[in-house]
Amino acid sequence: MAVATATATTEPLDRQLPMPFHPPLPAPPAKKRLPAGRPREWYVSHNRRLKAMRLAIALLDSGVYQPSSAGNHRIRITAERMGIHPPSDTTCRMVRALIRYGR
């Protein structure tokens, strides 16, 4: 009695599909020096605003949408995970303000 058998003559599936193309990430823009001749307070507040924006974006990306759920401790833990220095109380207030007014 003859038995019919199926034979596979194709290549395995992982060899048939082409690898997905992922374009390289663009390089970050070149950093520019801050303008000279401003008072020191301007540079401090400018850097504080930049830090607050980075932290607010990270918190929003992690699902923190309410300023009430962004306490100083959570903001500082986020800063630690990002590898930046812990923010001051003033910067934490700015982060909450950005979350509040960004809605």
N, C-alpha and C. Protein backbone atom coordinates (compact mmCIF):
# COMPACT_ATOMS: atom_id res chain seq x y z
N MET A 1 0.84 -1.17 0.00
CA MET A 1 0.00 0.00 0.00
C MET A 1 0.89 1.24 0.00
N ALA A 2 0.67 2.13 -0.89
CA ALA A 2 1.47 3.34 -1.03
C ALA A 2 0.85 4.46 -0.19
N VAL A 3 1.71 5.19 0.52
CA VAL A 3 1.24 6.28 1.36
C VAL A 3 1.75 7.59 0.75
N ALA A 4 0.86 8.55 0.61
CA ALA A 4 1.25 9.84 0.05
C ALA A 4 1.90 10.68 1.15
N THR A 5 3.04 11.24 0.86
CA THR A 5 3.72 12.11 1.82
C THR A 5 3.97 13.45 1.17
N ALA A 6 3.92 14.47 1.97
CA ALA A 6 4.19 15.82 1.48
C ALA A 6 5.63 16.16 1.83
N THR A 7 6.31 16.72 0.89
CA THR A 7 7.68 17.14 1.16
C THR A 7 7.76 18.65 1.03
N ALA A 8 8.49 19.25 1.92
CA ALA A 8 8.66 20.70 1.88
C ALA A 8 9.95 21.01 1.15
N THR A 9 9.83 21.76 0.08
CA THR A 9 11.01 22.12 -0.69
C THR A 9 11.32 23.61 -0.56
N THR A 10 10.59 24.30 0.30
CA THR A 10 10.84 25.73 0.45
C THR A 10 11.81 25.97 1.60
N GLU A 11 12.35 27.16 1.61
CA GLU A 11 13.27 27.53 2.68
C GLU A 11 12.48 27.85 3.95
N PRO A 12 13.13 27.84 5.09
CA PRO A 12 12.42 28.23 6.32
C PRO A 12 11.89 29.66 6.20
N LEU A 13 10.84 29.94 6.96
CA LEU A 13 10.15 31.22 6.86
C LEU A 13 11.05 32.40 7.15
N ASP A 14 11.96 32.26 8.12
CA ASP A 14 12.80 33.39 8.47
C ASP A 14 13.76 33.78 7.35
N ARG A 15 14.00 32.89 6.42
CA ARG A 15 14.89 33.24 5.30
C ARG A 15 14.12 33.82 4.12
N GLN A 16 12.82 33.59 4.08
CA GLN A 16 12.03 34.08 2.97
C GLN A 16 11.72 35.57 3.11
N LEU A 17 11.49 36.02 4.34
CA LEU A 17 11.10 37.41 4.55
C LEU A 17 12.33 38.30 4.64
N PRO A 18 12.33 39.41 3.93
CA PRO A 18 13.48 40.31 4.06
C PRO A 18 13.47 40.98 5.43
N MET A 19 14.62 41.33 5.89
CA MET A 19 14.74 42.02 7.17
C MET A 19 14.13 43.41 7.02
N PRO A 20 13.39 43.87 8.03
CA PRO A 20 12.80 45.22 7.92
C PRO A 20 13.90 46.27 7.91
N PHE A 21 13.67 47.28 7.12
CA PHE A 21 14.65 48.36 7.00
C PHE A 21 14.37 49.42 8.05
N HIS A 22 15.34 49.69 8.87
CA HIS A 22 15.24 50.76 9.86
C HIS A 22 16.26 51.82 9.49
N PRO A 23 15.79 52.98 9.05
CA PRO A 23 16.76 54.02 8.70
C PRO A 23 17.52 54.46 9.94
N PRO A 24 18.74 54.88 9.77
CA PRO A 24 19.51 55.33 10.93
C PRO A 24 18.88 56.57 11.55
N LEU A 25 19.01 56.68 12.87
CA LEU A 25 18.47 57.85 13.55
C LEU A 25 19.25 59.08 13.16
N PRO A 26 18.56 60.19 12.98
CA PRO A 26 19.30 61.41 12.63
C PRO A 26 20.16 61.85 13.80
N ALA A 27 21.26 62.45 13.47
CA ALA A 27 22.16 62.95 14.50
C ALA A 27 21.50 64.13 15.21
N PRO A 28 21.72 64.27 16.52
CA PRO A 28 21.14 65.43 17.20
C PRO A 28 21.75 66.71 16.65
N PRO A 29 20.98 67.78 16.69
CA PRO A 29 21.53 69.03 16.16
C PRO A 29 22.75 69.46 16.96
N ALA A 30 23.64 70.13 16.28
CA ALA A 30 24.86 70.59 16.95
C ALA A 30 24.50 71.60 18.03
N LYS A 31 25.17 71.47 19.16
CA LYS A 31 24.89 72.39 20.25
C LYS A 31 25.50 73.75 19.93
N LYS A 32 24.75 74.78 20.26
CA LYS A 32 25.24 76.13 20.06
C LYS A 32 25.58 76.73 21.41
N ARG A 33 26.55 77.57 21.41
CA ARG A 33 26.89 78.25 22.64
C ARG A 33 25.82 79.27 22.97
N LEU A 34 25.58 79.46 24.25
CA LEU A 34 24.62 80.48 24.67
C LEU A 34 25.22 81.86 24.42
N PRO A 35 24.37 82.84 24.16
CA PRO A 35 24.89 84.18 23.88
C PRO A 35 25.62 84.76 25.08
N ALA A 36 26.70 85.42 24.80
CA ALA A 36 27.51 86.02 25.87
C ALA A 36 26.94 87.38 26.26
N GLY A 37 27.29 87.82 27.44
CA GLY A 37 26.94 89.15 27.87
C GLY A 37 25.64 89.26 28.64
N ARG A 38 24.99 88.16 28.92
CA ARG A 38 23.75 88.22 29.70
C ARG A 38 24.08 88.08 31.18
N PRO A 39 23.18 88.53 32.03
CA PRO A 39 23.43 88.34 33.46
C PRO A 39 23.38 86.85 33.82
N ARG A 40 24.07 86.49 34.88
CA ARG A 40 24.15 85.09 35.30
C ARG A 40 22.77 84.51 35.57
N GLU A 41 21.86 85.29 36.12
CA GLU A 41 20.51 84.81 36.42
C GLU A 41 19.79 84.33 35.17
N TRP A 42 20.08 84.96 34.03
CA TRP A 42 19.44 84.56 32.78
C TRP A 42 19.87 83.14 32.41
N TYR A 43 21.16 82.84 32.53
CA TYR A 43 21.66 81.50 32.20
C TYR A 43 21.10 80.45 33.16
N VAL A 44 21.01 80.80 34.43
CA VAL A 44 20.47 79.86 35.42
C VAL A 44 19.02 79.55 35.10
N SER A 45 18.22 80.57 34.83
CA SER A 45 16.80 80.33 34.54
C SER A 45 16.62 79.62 33.20
N HIS A 46 17.46 79.93 32.23
CA HIS A 46 17.37 79.27 30.93
C HIS A 46 17.64 77.78 31.07
N ASN A 47 18.71 77.41 31.77
CA ASN A 47 19.03 76.00 31.96
C ASN A 47 17.97 75.30 32.81
N ARG A 48 17.40 76.02 33.77
CA ARG A 48 16.34 75.45 34.60
C ARG A 48 15.11 75.16 33.76
N ARG A 49 14.76 76.07 32.85
CA ARG A 49 13.61 75.84 31.97
C ARG A 49 13.84 74.63 31.07
N LEU A 50 15.05 74.50 30.53
CA LEU A 50 15.36 73.36 29.67
C LEU A 50 15.25 72.05 30.44
N LYS A 51 15.77 72.03 31.65
CA LYS A 51 15.71 70.83 32.48
C LYS A 51 14.26 70.50 32.82
N ALA A 52 13.46 71.51 33.15
CA ALA A 52 12.06 71.29 33.48
C ALA A 52 11.30 70.73 32.26
N MET A 53 11.61 71.23 31.08
CA MET A 53 10.95 70.72 29.88
C MET A 53 11.31 69.27 29.62
N ARG A 54 12.60 68.93 29.76
CA ARG A 54 13.01 67.54 29.56
C ARG A 54 12.31 66.61 30.55
N LEU A 55 12.22 67.04 31.81
CA LEU A 55 11.57 66.22 32.83
C LEU A 55 10.07 66.12 32.59
N ALA A 56 9.43 67.21 32.19
CA ALA A 56 7.99 67.17 31.92
C ALA A 56 7.69 66.23 30.76
N ILE A 57 8.49 66.26 29.73
CA ILE A 57 8.29 65.37 28.58
C ILE A 57 8.46 63.92 29.00
N ALA A 58 9.49 63.64 29.81
CA ALA A 58 9.71 62.27 30.28
C ALA A 58 8.55 61.78 31.14
N LEU A 59 8.03 62.66 32.00
CA LEU A 59 6.90 62.26 32.84
C LEU A 59 5.65 62.02 32.00
N LEU A 60 5.40 62.88 31.03
CA LEU A 60 4.24 62.69 30.16
C LEU A 60 4.37 61.39 29.37
N ASP A 61 5.58 61.09 28.90
CA ASP A 61 5.80 59.84 28.17
C ASP A 61 5.59 58.62 29.05
N SER A 62 5.85 58.77 30.35
CA SER A 62 5.69 57.64 31.26
C SER A 62 4.27 57.53 31.80
N GLY A 63 3.38 58.44 31.42
CA GLY A 63 1.98 58.33 31.80
C GLY A 63 1.54 59.22 32.94
N VAL A 64 2.34 60.17 33.34
CA VAL A 64 1.96 61.11 34.40
C VAL A 64 1.36 62.33 33.71
N TYR A 65 0.02 62.45 33.79
CA TYR A 65 -0.65 63.54 33.09
C TYR A 65 -1.22 64.59 34.03
N GLN A 66 -1.23 64.32 35.31
CA GLN A 66 -1.77 65.25 36.29
C GLN A 66 -0.64 65.82 37.14
N PRO A 67 -0.62 67.13 37.36
CA PRO A 67 0.42 67.70 38.22
C PRO A 67 0.37 67.15 39.64
N SER A 68 -0.82 66.76 40.10
CA SER A 68 -0.94 66.23 41.46
C SER A 68 -0.24 64.90 41.62
N SER A 69 -0.07 64.15 40.53
CA SER A 69 0.64 62.87 40.64
C SER A 69 2.12 63.01 40.33
N ALA A 70 2.60 64.23 40.12
CA ALA A 70 4.02 64.48 39.88
C ALA A 70 4.62 65.18 41.09
N GLY A 71 4.82 64.42 42.13
CA GLY A 71 5.44 64.98 43.33
C GLY A 71 6.94 65.15 43.15
N ASN A 72 7.56 65.84 44.09
CA ASN A 72 9.00 66.06 44.00
C ASN A 72 9.76 64.75 43.93
N HIS A 73 9.31 63.76 44.70
CA HIS A 73 10.02 62.47 44.72
C HIS A 73 9.97 61.80 43.36
N ARG A 74 8.80 61.78 42.74
CA ARG A 74 8.67 61.15 41.42
C ARG A 74 9.49 61.90 40.37
N ILE A 75 9.50 63.21 40.44
CA ILE A 75 10.28 64.00 39.48
C ILE A 75 11.76 63.71 39.66
N ARG A 76 12.21 63.63 40.90
CA ARG A 76 13.63 63.35 41.16
C ARG A 76 14.03 61.93 40.75
N ILE A 77 13.12 60.98 40.92
CA ILE A 77 13.41 59.62 40.47
C ILE A 77 13.52 59.60 38.94
N THR A 78 12.64 60.34 38.27
CA THR A 78 12.71 60.42 36.81
C THR A 78 14.02 61.04 36.36
N ALA A 79 14.46 62.08 37.06
CA ALA A 79 15.74 62.71 36.73
C ALA A 79 16.89 61.72 36.92
N GLU A 80 16.82 60.93 37.97
CA GLU A 80 17.88 59.95 38.22
C GLU A 80 17.90 58.90 37.11
N ARG A 81 16.72 58.46 36.67
CA ARG A 81 16.66 57.48 35.58
C ARG A 81 17.19 58.06 34.27
N MET A 82 17.00 59.36 34.09
CA MET A 82 17.49 60.01 32.87
C MET A 82 18.98 60.31 32.95
N GLY A 83 19.53 60.24 34.15
CA GLY A 83 20.96 60.50 34.31
C GLY A 83 21.29 61.97 34.45
N ILE A 84 20.35 62.76 34.96
CA ILE A 84 20.64 64.18 35.19
C ILE A 84 20.57 64.46 36.68
N HIS A 85 21.16 65.55 37.10
CA HIS A 85 21.20 65.90 38.51
C HIS A 85 19.79 66.09 39.07
N PRO A 86 19.59 65.76 40.33
CA PRO A 86 18.25 65.95 40.92
C PRO A 86 17.84 67.41 40.85
N PRO A 87 16.60 67.67 40.46
CA PRO A 87 16.15 69.06 40.34
C PRO A 87 15.85 69.67 41.71
N SER A 88 15.92 70.98 41.76
CA SER A 88 15.58 71.70 42.98
C SER A 88 14.06 71.77 43.13
N ASP A 89 13.62 72.28 44.27
CA ASP A 89 12.18 72.44 44.49
C ASP A 89 11.58 73.40 43.46
N THR A 90 12.34 74.44 43.10
CA THR A 90 11.86 75.40 42.10
C THR A 90 11.66 74.73 40.75
N THR A 91 12.61 73.88 40.35
CA THR A 91 12.49 73.17 39.08
C THR A 91 11.32 72.20 39.12
N CYS A 92 11.10 71.54 40.25
CA CYS A 92 9.95 70.64 40.37
C CYS A 92 8.64 71.39 40.20
N ARG A 93 8.57 72.60 40.76
CA ARG A 93 7.36 73.42 40.58
C ARG A 93 7.17 73.77 39.11
N MET A 94 8.28 74.07 38.42
CA MET A 94 8.19 74.40 37.00
C MET A 94 7.71 73.19 36.19
N VAL A 95 8.17 72.00 36.56
CA VAL A 95 7.73 70.78 35.86
C VAL A 95 6.23 70.61 36.00
N ARG A 96 5.72 70.79 37.23
CA ARG A 96 4.28 70.66 37.44
C ARG A 96 3.51 71.74 36.68
N ALA A 97 4.06 72.93 36.60
CA ALA A 97 3.40 73.99 35.86
C ALA A 97 3.35 73.67 34.36
N LEU A 98 4.43 73.09 33.84
CA LEU A 98 4.43 72.71 32.42
C LEU A 98 3.41 71.62 32.15
N ILE A 99 3.29 70.66 33.06
CA ILE A 99 2.30 69.60 32.89
C ILE A 99 0.89 70.19 32.95
N ARG A 100 0.68 71.11 33.88
CA ARG A 100 -0.65 71.71 34.06
C ARG A 100 -1.05 72.54 32.84
N TYR A 101 -0.16 73.40 32.37
CA TYR A 101 -0.53 74.32 31.29
C TYR A 101 -0.35 73.72 29.91
N GLY A 102 0.23 72.54 29.84
CA GLY A 102 0.38 71.88 28.54
C GLY A 102 -0.87 71.14 28.10
N ARG A 103 -1.89 71.15 28.96
CA ARG A 103 -3.11 70.40 28.65
C ARG A 103 -4.06 71.20 27.81
